[in-house]
Amino acid sequence: TFEKINTVLFNVLKLVMKLSPIGAFGGMAYTIGKFGFASLALLGKLLLTFYITGFLFVFVVLYLICRFYKLSLWMLLGYIKEEILIVLGSSSSEAVLPSVMQKLTAAGCQKEVVGLVIPTGYSFNLDGTTIYLSMSVIFLAQVFKIDLTIGQQLTIIGILLLTSKGAAGVTGSGFLVLASTLTAIKVIPIEGLALLIGVDRFISEGRAIINFIGNTVATVVIAKSENEIDMETYNRVVEKRKPWEEL
């Protein structure tokens, strides 16, 4: 029975993935029809800013954290490159949850640490979603020419810290969390979400990848800081990229 349910769920997921380009096209068409072609320039700037910020977060912030703990970010990214490609294609970091847990355990991280940090990270360590939410709120405030005071900005940050914890690692969850955030702050018109529909699909891929890499790095770093990792195994498996299935 469980296998049948699992098969049905995967078939539904495949259907959603096949139809997602149509949804993205429809969202873009709606945005252009409602706000005009001029909106594309604004959305392009938002998209570019998001990916630049995400790039800096991964290759500067996470790199420095790994370096502090004497870990190689590049080798770790090479070790999980297959999962990164799956996340890119599905726009969902949860799609590779079982695989990355097995890989990190095979790389020397204690099973208890992996089993705690990875699932918890999907609720409390969504770096990409947090970047997206904060940028989108500021973007919409600028579109509607709303000058946010320092107090309002701090309030928004506090609300984002709460609402972002409800985001799952599935496609589109960040957009729903943004809607709940705008409803809570009651400063920026929630109608502004219509402007973001056209690019949400493209941003969703970046969100998912940043979330996934952030959780993976966090697991390895916590395992090492707590002495819950066999570094000899880690170096042999990750840095030499030995296929984990052979272990």
C-alpha atoms as a PDB file:
ATOM      1  CA  THR A   1       0.000   0.000   0.000  1.00  0.00           C
ATOM      2  CA  PHE A   2       2.789   2.409   0.929  1.00  0.00           C
ATOM      3  CA  GLU A   3       4.580   1.715  -2.360  1.00  0.00           C
ATOM      4  CA  LYS A   4       1.388   2.420  -4.316  1.00  0.00           C
ATOM      5  CA  ILE A   5       0.872   5.727  -2.496  1.00  0.00           C
ATOM      6  CA  ASN A   6       4.516   6.601  -3.087  1.00  0.00           C
ATOM      7  CA  THR A   7       4.130   5.855  -6.804  1.00  0.00           C
ATOM      8  CA  VAL A   8       1.044   8.066  -7.028  1.00  0.00           C
ATOM      9  CA  LEU A   9       2.808  10.944  -5.273  1.00  0.00           C
ATOM     10  CA  PHE A  10       5.809  10.719  -7.589  1.00  0.00           C
ATOM     11  CA  ASN A  11       3.527  10.663 -10.636  1.00  0.00           C
ATOM     12  CA  VAL A  12       1.783  13.790  -9.371  1.00  0.00           C
ATOM     13  CA  LEU A  13       5.187  15.416  -8.825  1.00  0.00           C
ATOM     14  CA  LYS A  14       6.235  14.534 -12.386  1.00  0.00           C
ATOM     15  CA  LEU A  15       3.009  16.049 -13.711  1.00  0.00           C
ATOM     16  CA  VAL A  16       3.598  19.264 -11.767  1.00  0.00           C
ATOM     17  CA  MET A  17       7.173  19.488 -13.072  1.00  0.00           C
ATOM     18  CA  LYS A  18       5.970  19.007 -16.664  1.00  0.00           C
ATOM     19  CA  LEU A  19       3.313  21.704 -16.299  1.00  0.00           C
ATOM     20  CA  SER A  20       5.498  24.189 -14.394  1.00  0.00           C
ATOM     21  CA  PRO A  21       6.853  25.870 -17.590  1.00  0.00           C
ATOM     22  CA  ILE A  22       3.252  26.578 -18.613  1.00  0.00           C
ATOM     23  CA  GLY A  23       2.621  28.081 -15.191  1.00  0.00           C
ATOM     24  CA  ALA A  24       5.730  30.243 -15.465  1.00  0.00           C
ATOM     25  CA  PHE A  25       4.660  31.411 -18.940  1.00  0.00           C
ATOM     26  CA  GLY A  26       1.163  32.196 -17.679  1.00  0.00           C
ATOM     27  CA  GLY A  27       2.545  34.120 -14.718  1.00  0.00           C
ATOM     28  CA  MET A  28       4.820  36.165 -16.951  1.00  0.00           C
ATOM     29  CA  ALA A  29       1.981  36.852 -19.401  1.00  0.00           C
ATOM     30  CA  TYR A  30      -0.268  37.988 -16.551  1.00  0.00           C
ATOM     31  CA  THR A  31       2.421  40.288 -15.168  1.00  0.00           C
ATOM     32  CA  ILE A  32       3.060  41.909 -18.559  1.00  0.00           C
ATOM     33  CA  GLY A  33      -0.656  42.251 -19.249  1.00  0.00           C
ATOM     34  CA  LYS A  34      -1.347  43.919 -15.908  1.00  0.00           C
ATOM     35  CA  PHE A  35       1.768  46.067 -15.444  1.00  0.00           C
ATOM     36  CA  GLY A  36       3.130  46.435 -18.994  1.00  0.00           C
ATOM     37  CA  PHE A  37       6.506  45.618 -20.534  1.00  0.00           C
ATOM     38  CA  ALA A  38       8.214  48.189 -18.291  1.00  0.00           C
ATOM     39  CA  SER A  39       7.738  45.780 -15.390  1.00  0.00           C
ATOM     40  CA  LEU A  40      10.176  43.345 -17.032  1.00  0.00           C
ATOM     41  CA  ALA A  41      13.095  45.710 -16.401  1.00  0.00           C
ATOM     42  CA  LEU A  42      12.220  45.946 -12.706  1.00  0.00           C
ATOM     43  CA  LEU A  43      11.797  42.193 -12.396  1.00  0.00           C
ATOM     44  CA  GLY A  44      15.055  41.639 -14.259  1.00  0.00           C
ATOM     45  CA  LYS A  45      16.884  43.802 -11.734  1.00  0.00           C
ATOM     46  CA  LEU A  46      15.275  41.886  -8.862  1.00  0.00           C
ATOM     47  CA  LEU A  47      16.257  38.566 -10.428  1.00  0.00           C
ATOM     48  CA  LEU A  48      19.834  39.705 -11.024  1.00  0.00           C
ATOM     49  CA  THR A  49      20.179  41.149  -7.514  1.00  0.00           C
ATOM     50  CA  PHE A  50      18.853  37.952  -5.950  1.00  0.00           C
ATOM     51  CA  TYR A  51      21.311  35.715  -7.799  1.00  0.00           C
ATOM     52  CA  ILE A  52      24.259  38.014  -7.104  1.00  0.00           C
ATOM     53  CA  THR A  53      23.374  38.006  -3.404  1.00  0.00           C
ATOM     54  CA  GLY A  54      22.939  34.232  -3.409  1.00  0.00           C
ATOM     55  CA  PHE A  55      26.280  33.792  -5.170  1.00  0.00           C
ATOM     56  CA  LEU A  56      28.024  35.977  -2.581  1.00  0.00           C
ATOM     57  CA  PHE A  57      26.328  34.118   0.263  1.00  0.00           C
ATOM     58  CA  VAL A  58      27.473  30.705  -0.962  1.00  0.00           C
ATOM     59  CA  PHE A  59      30.954  31.571  -2.208  1.00  0.00           C
ATOM     60  CA  VAL A  60      31.869  34.165   0.419  1.00  0.00           C
ATOM     61  CA  VAL A  61      29.889  33.544   3.619  1.00  0.00           C
ATOM     62  CA  LEU A  62      29.723  29.749   3.443  1.00  0.00           C
ATOM     63  CA  TYR A  63      33.265  29.594   2.068  1.00  0.00           C
ATOM     64  CA  LEU A  64      34.609  31.542   5.066  1.00  0.00           C
ATOM     65  CA  ILE A  65      32.663  29.340   7.475  1.00  0.00           C
ATOM     66  CA  CYS A  66      34.087  26.200   5.867  1.00  0.00           C
ATOM     67  CA  ARG A  67      37.575  27.668   5.865  1.00  0.00           C
ATOM     68  CA  PHE A  68      37.287  28.518   9.571  1.00  0.00           C
ATOM     69  CA  TYR A  69      36.543  24.854  10.285  1.00  0.00           C
ATOM     70  CA  LYS A  70      39.256  23.723   7.833  1.00  0.00           C
ATOM     71  CA  LEU A  71      36.805  22.246   5.360  1.00  0.00           C
ATOM     72  CA  SER A  72      36.811  22.575   1.575  1.00  0.00           C
ATOM     73  CA  LEU A  73      33.591  24.065   0.208  1.00  0.00           C
ATOM     74  CA  TRP A  74      34.631  23.189  -3.343  1.00  0.00           C
ATOM     75  CA  MET A  75      35.142  19.502  -2.554  1.00  0.00           C
ATOM     76  CA  LEU A  76      31.830  19.363  -0.690  1.00  0.00           C
ATOM     77  CA  LEU A  77      30.001  20.954  -3.626  1.00  0.00           C
ATOM     78  CA  GLY A  78      31.640  18.441  -5.945  1.00  0.00           C
ATOM     79  CA  TYR A  79      30.470  15.625  -3.678  1.00  0.00           C
ATOM     80  CA  ILE A  80      26.825  16.750  -3.822  1.00  0.00           C
ATOM     81  CA  LYS A  81      26.792  17.972  -7.432  1.00  0.00           C
ATOM     82  CA  GLU A  82      24.233  15.362  -8.514  1.00  0.00           C
ATOM     83  CA  GLU A  83      21.829  16.527  -5.814  1.00  0.00           C
ATOM     84  CA  ILE A  84      22.376  20.165  -6.810  1.00  0.00           C
ATOM     85  CA  LEU A  85      21.348  19.328 -10.381  1.00  0.00           C
ATOM     86  CA  ILE A  86      18.227  17.535  -9.142  1.00  0.00           C
ATOM     87  CA  VAL A  87      17.311  20.537  -6.986  1.00  0.00           C
ATOM     88  CA  LEU A  88      17.870  22.798  -9.992  1.00  0.00           C
ATOM     89  CA  GLY A  89      15.514  20.726 -12.111  1.00  0.00           C
ATOM     90  CA  SER A  90      12.788  20.243  -9.508  1.00  0.00           C
ATOM     91  CA  SER A  91      13.086  23.596  -7.663  1.00  0.00           C
ATOM     92  CA  SER A  92      12.686  21.598  -4.452  1.00  0.00           C
ATOM     93  CA  SER A  93      15.400  20.930  -1.898  1.00  0.00           C
ATOM     94  CA  GLU A  94      13.298  18.213  -0.246  1.00  0.00           C
ATOM     95  CA  ALA A  95      13.547  16.088  -3.387  1.00  0.00           C
ATOM     96  CA  VAL A  96      17.088  15.063  -2.405  1.00  0.00           C
ATOM     97  CA  LEU A  97      16.551  14.730   1.357  1.00  0.00           C
ATOM     98  CA  PRO A  98      17.102  10.935   1.576  1.00  0.00           C
ATOM     99  CA  SER A  99      20.064  11.023  -0.812  1.00  0.00           C
ATOM    100  CA  VAL A 100      22.000  13.788   0.933  1.00  0.00           C
ATOM    101  CA  MET A 101      21.405  12.207   4.354  1.00  0.00           C
ATOM    102  CA  GLN A 102      22.882   8.941   3.103  1.00  0.00           C
ATOM    103  CA  LYS A 103      25.822  10.722   1.505  1.00  0.00           C
ATOM    104  CA  LEU A 104      26.717  12.732   4.605  1.00  0.00           C
ATOM    105  CA  THR A 105      26.464   9.634   6.783  1.00  0.00           C
ATOM    106  CA  ALA A 106      28.714   7.759   4.353  1.00  0.00           C
ATOM    107  CA  ALA A 107      31.162  10.683   4.468  1.00  0.00           C
ATOM    108  CA  GLY A 108      31.760  10.187   8.185  1.00  0.00           C
ATOM    109  CA  CYS A 109      29.120  12.395   9.825  1.00  0.00           C
ATOM    110  CA  GLN A 110      27.368  10.661  12.698  1.00  0.00           C
ATOM    111  CA  LYS A 111      23.906   9.443  11.759  1.00  0.00           C
ATOM    112  CA  GLU A 112      22.343  11.134  14.799  1.00  0.00           C
ATOM    113  CA  VAL A 113      23.711  14.547  13.767  1.00  0.00           C
ATOM    114  CA  VAL A 114      22.610  14.151  10.151  1.00  0.00           C
ATOM    115  CA  GLY A 115      19.172  12.938  11.225  1.00  0.00           C
ATOM    116  CA  LEU A 116      18.723  15.984  13.452  1.00  0.00           C
ATOM    117  CA  VAL A 117      20.330  18.844  11.533  1.00  0.00           C
ATOM    118  CA  ILE A 118      19.129  18.154   7.977  1.00  0.00           C
ATOM    119  CA  PRO A 119      15.369  17.831   8.716  1.00  0.00           C
ATOM    120  CA  THR A 120      15.501  20.708  11.207  1.00  0.00           C
ATOM    121  CA  GLY A 121      17.316  22.852   8.669  1.00  0.00           C
ATOM    122  CA  TYR A 122      14.401  22.553   6.255  1.00  0.00           C
ATOM    123  CA  SER A 123      12.372  24.630   8.719  1.00  0.00           C
ATOM    124  CA  PHE A 124      14.960  26.769  10.491  1.00  0.00           C
ATOM    125  CA  ASN A 125      17.838  27.179   8.031  1.00  0.00           C
ATOM    126  CA  LEU A 126      16.286  28.246   4.735  1.00  0.00           C
ATOM    127  CA  ASP A 127      18.925  30.763   3.687  1.00  0.00           C
ATOM    128  CA  GLY A 128      17.688  31.181   0.122  1.00  0.00           C
ATOM    129  CA  THR A 129      14.104  31.724   1.228  1.00  0.00           C
ATOM    130  CA  THR A 130      15.183  34.328   3.774  1.00  0.00           C
ATOM    131  CA  ILE A 131      17.157  36.245   1.135  1.00  0.00           C
ATOM    132  CA  TYR A 132      14.170  36.107  -1.216  1.00  0.00           C
ATOM    133  CA  LEU A 133      11.659  37.297   1.381  1.00  0.00           C
ATOM    134  CA  SER A 134      13.701  40.278   2.533  1.00  0.00           C
ATOM    135  CA  MET A 135      14.497  41.361  -1.039  1.00  0.00           C
ATOM    136  CA  SER A 136      10.909  40.985  -2.206  1.00  0.00           C
ATOM    137  CA  VAL A 137       9.526  43.089   0.634  1.00  0.00           C
ATOM    138  CA  ILE A 138      11.989  45.911  -0.080  1.00  0.00           C
ATOM    139  CA  PHE A 139      11.331  45.581  -3.834  1.00  0.00           C
ATOM    140  CA  LEU A 140       7.569  45.926  -3.400  1.00  0.00           C
ATOM    141  CA  ALA A 141       8.025  48.848  -1.019  1.00  0.00           C
ATOM    142  CA  GLN A 142      10.049  50.648  -3.684  1.00  0.00           C
ATOM    143  CA  VAL A 143       7.512  49.813  -6.406  1.00  0.00           C
ATOM    144  CA  PHE A 144       4.691  51.327  -4.352  1.00  0.00           C
ATOM    145  CA  LYS A 145       6.960  54.219  -3.275  1.00  0.00           C
ATOM    146  CA  ILE A 146       6.560  53.376   0.402  1.00  0.00           C
ATOM    147  CA  ASP A 147       9.286  54.773   2.643  1.00  0.00           C
ATOM    148  CA  LEU A 148       9.811  52.262   5.428  1.00  0.00           C
ATOM    149  CA  THR A 149      10.997  53.687   8.730  1.00  0.00           C
ATOM    150  CA  ILE A 150      13.702  51.972  10.763  1.00  0.00           C
ATOM    151  CA  GLY A 151      11.021  50.737  13.139  1.00  0.00           C
ATOM    152  CA  GLN A 152       8.991  49.259  10.285  1.00  0.00           C
ATOM    153  CA  GLN A 153      12.065  47.594   8.817  1.00  0.00           C
ATOM    154  CA  LEU A 154      12.919  46.019  12.177  1.00  0.00           C
ATOM    155  CA  THR A 155       9.312  44.877  12.547  1.00  0.00           C
ATOM    156  CA  ILE A 156       9.411  43.312   9.087  1.00  0.00           C
ATOM    157  CA  ILE A 157      12.667  41.529   9.935  1.00  0.00           C
ATOM    158  CA  GLY A 158      11.091  40.148  13.113  1.00  0.00           C
ATOM    159  CA  ILE A 159       8.009  38.938  11.251  1.00  0.00           C
ATOM    160  CA  LEU A 160      10.166  37.395   8.515  1.00  0.00           C
ATOM    161  CA  LEU A 161      12.101  35.464  11.152  1.00  0.00           C
ATOM    162  CA  LEU A 162       8.808  33.913  12.233  1.00  0.00           C
ATOM    163  CA  THR A 163       7.021  33.406   8.914  1.00  0.00           C
ATOM    164  CA  SER A 164      10.088  31.990   7.158  1.00  0.00           C
ATOM    165  CA  LYS A 165      10.068  29.093   9.623  1.00  0.00           C
ATOM    166  CA  GLY A 166       6.825  27.924   8.082  1.00  0.00           C
ATOM    167  CA  ALA A 167       8.335  27.543   4.625  1.00  0.00           C
ATOM    168  CA  ALA A 168       8.826  23.982   3.460  1.00  0.00           C
ATOM    169  CA  GLY A 169      11.523  22.984   1.026  1.00  0.00           C
ATOM    170  CA  VAL A 170       9.031  22.561  -1.783  1.00  0.00           C
ATOM    171  CA  THR A 171       8.394  24.609  -4.902  1.00  0.00           C
ATOM    172  CA  GLY A 172       6.435  27.819  -4.337  1.00  0.00           C
ATOM    173  CA  SER A 173       6.477  27.743  -0.536  1.00  0.00           C
ATOM    174  CA  GLY A 174       8.507  30.963  -0.371  1.00  0.00           C
ATOM    175  CA  PHE A 175       5.840  32.789  -2.385  1.00  0.00           C
ATOM    176  CA  LEU A 176       3.126  31.663   0.040  1.00  0.00           C
ATOM    177  CA  VAL A 177       5.216  32.745   3.021  1.00  0.00           C
ATOM    178  CA  LEU A 178       5.717  36.153   1.389  1.00  0.00           C
ATOM    179  CA  ALA A 179       1.939  36.484   1.067  1.00  0.00           C
ATOM    180  CA  SER A 180       1.452  35.728   4.759  1.00  0.00           C
ATOM    181  CA  THR A 181       4.216  38.191   5.658  1.00  0.00           C
ATOM    182  CA  LEU A 182       2.629  41.041   3.687  1.00  0.00           C
ATOM    183  CA  THR A 183      -0.710  40.238   5.303  1.00  0.00           C
ATOM    184  CA  ALA A 184       0.877  40.431   8.750  1.00  0.00           C
ATOM    185  CA  ILE A 185       2.797  43.700   8.319  1.00  0.00           C
ATOM    186  CA  LYS A 186      -0.136  45.536   6.653  1.00  0.00           C
ATOM    187  CA  VAL A 187       2.176  48.178   5.193  1.00  0.00           C
ATOM    188  CA  ILE A 188       2.713  46.957   1.635  1.00  0.00           C
ATOM    189  CA  PRO A 189      -0.374  46.097  -0.483  1.00  0.00           C
ATOM    190  CA  ILE A 190      -0.637  42.348  -0.945  1.00  0.00           C
ATOM    191  CA  GLU A 191      -1.792  43.033  -4.513  1.00  0.00           C
ATOM    192  CA  GLY A 192       1.882  43.621  -5.300  1.00  0.00           C
ATOM    193  CA  LEU A 193       2.396  39.857  -5.306  1.00  0.00           C
ATOM    194  CA  ALA A 194       0.886  39.820  -8.784  1.00  0.00           C
ATOM    195  CA  LEU A 195       4.011  41.605  -9.983  1.00  0.00           C
ATOM    196  CA  LEU A 196       6.239  38.805  -8.671  1.00  0.00           C
ATOM    197  CA  ILE A 197       4.308  35.903 -10.182  1.00  0.00           C
ATOM    198  CA  GLY A 198       6.186  36.167 -13.458  1.00  0.00           C
ATOM    199  CA  VAL A 199       9.658  35.624 -11.975  1.00  0.00           C
ATOM    200  CA  ASP A 200       8.858  33.428  -8.988  1.00  0.00           C
ATOM    201  CA  ARG A 201       9.578  30.249 -10.942  1.00  0.00           C
ATOM    202  CA  PHE A 202      13.051  31.513 -11.905  1.00  0.00           C
ATOM    203  CA  ILE A 203      13.818  32.678  -8.371  1.00  0.00           C
ATOM    204  CA  SER A 204      12.467  29.431  -6.912  1.00  0.00           C
ATOM    205  CA  GLU A 205      15.342  27.463  -8.443  1.00  0.00           C
ATOM    206  CA  GLY A 206      17.938  29.716  -6.818  1.00  0.00           C
ATOM    207  CA  ARG A 207      16.092  29.617  -3.492  1.00  0.00           C
ATOM    208  CA  ALA A 208      16.077  25.833  -3.444  1.00  0.00           C
ATOM    209  CA  ILE A 209      19.772  25.492  -4.337  1.00  0.00           C
ATOM    210  CA  ILE A 210      20.879  28.005  -1.682  1.00  0.00           C
ATOM    211  CA  ASN A 211      18.665  26.300   0.915  1.00  0.00           C
ATOM    212  CA  PHE A 212      20.141  22.909   0.036  1.00  0.00           C
ATOM    213  CA  ILE A 213      23.786  24.000   0.070  1.00  0.00           C
ATOM    214  CA  GLY A 214      23.271  25.938   3.313  1.00  0.00           C
ATOM    215  CA  ASN A 215      21.786  22.899   5.065  1.00  0.00           C
ATOM    216  CA  THR A 216      24.526  20.600   3.796  1.00  0.00           C
ATOM    217  CA  VAL A 217      27.309  22.921   4.959  1.00  0.00           C
ATOM    218  CA  ALA A 218      25.571  23.428   8.316  1.00  0.00           C
ATOM    219  CA  THR A 219      25.406  19.677   8.904  1.00  0.00           C
ATOM    220  CA  VAL A 220      29.104  19.107   8.203  1.00  0.00           C
ATOM    221  CA  VAL A 221      30.159  22.148  10.254  1.00  0.00           C
ATOM    222  CA  ILE A 222      28.034  21.142  13.257  1.00  0.00           C
ATOM    223  CA  ALA A 223      29.293  17.566  13.034  1.00  0.00           C
ATOM    224  CA  LYS A 224      32.896  18.773  13.092  1.00  0.00           C
ATOM    225  CA  SER A 225      32.357  21.350  15.850  1.00  0.00           C
ATOM    226  CA  GLU A 226      30.813  18.629  18.027  1.00  0.00           C
ATOM    227  CA  ASN A 227      33.497  16.061  17.127  1.00  0.00           C
ATOM    228  CA  GLU A 228      30.813  13.882  15.571  1.00  0.00           C
ATOM    229  CA  ILE A 229      32.606  13.279  12.289  1.00  0.00           C
ATOM    230  CA  ASP A 230      35.322  10.863  11.219  1.00  0.00           C
ATOM    231  CA  MET A 231      37.658  13.211   9.330  1.00  0.00           C
ATOM    232  CA  GLU A 232      39.683  10.345   7.894  1.00  0.00           C
ATOM    233  CA  THR A 233      36.560   8.946   6.264  1.00  0.00           C
ATOM    234  CA  TYR A 234      35.414  12.441   5.264  1.00  0.00           C
ATOM    235  CA  ASN A 235      38.687  13.263   3.537  1.00  0.00           C
ATOM    236  CA  ARG A 236      38.772   9.914   1.780  1.00  0.00           C
ATOM    237  CA  VAL A 237      35.178  10.093   0.552  1.00  0.00           C
ATOM    238  CA  VAL A 238      34.618  13.807  -0.102  1.00  0.00           C
ATOM    239  CA  GLU A 239      37.997  15.184  -1.099  1.00  0.00           C
ATOM    240  CA  LYS A 240      38.843  12.173  -3.255  1.00  0.00           C
ATOM    241  CA  ARG A 241      35.212  11.960  -4.398  1.00  0.00           C
ATOM    242  CA  LYS A 242      34.998   8.234  -3.932  1.00  0.00           C
ATOM    243  CA  PRO A 243      31.524   7.029  -4.963  1.00  0.00           C
ATOM    244  CA  TRP A 244      29.566   6.798  -1.722  1.00  0.00           C
ATOM    245  CA  GLU A 245      27.527   3.857  -3.007  1.00  0.00           C
ATOM    246  CA  GLU A 246      30.650   1.695  -2.786  1.00  0.00           C
ATOM    247  CA  LEU A 247      31.062   2.250   0.958  1.00  0.00           C
END
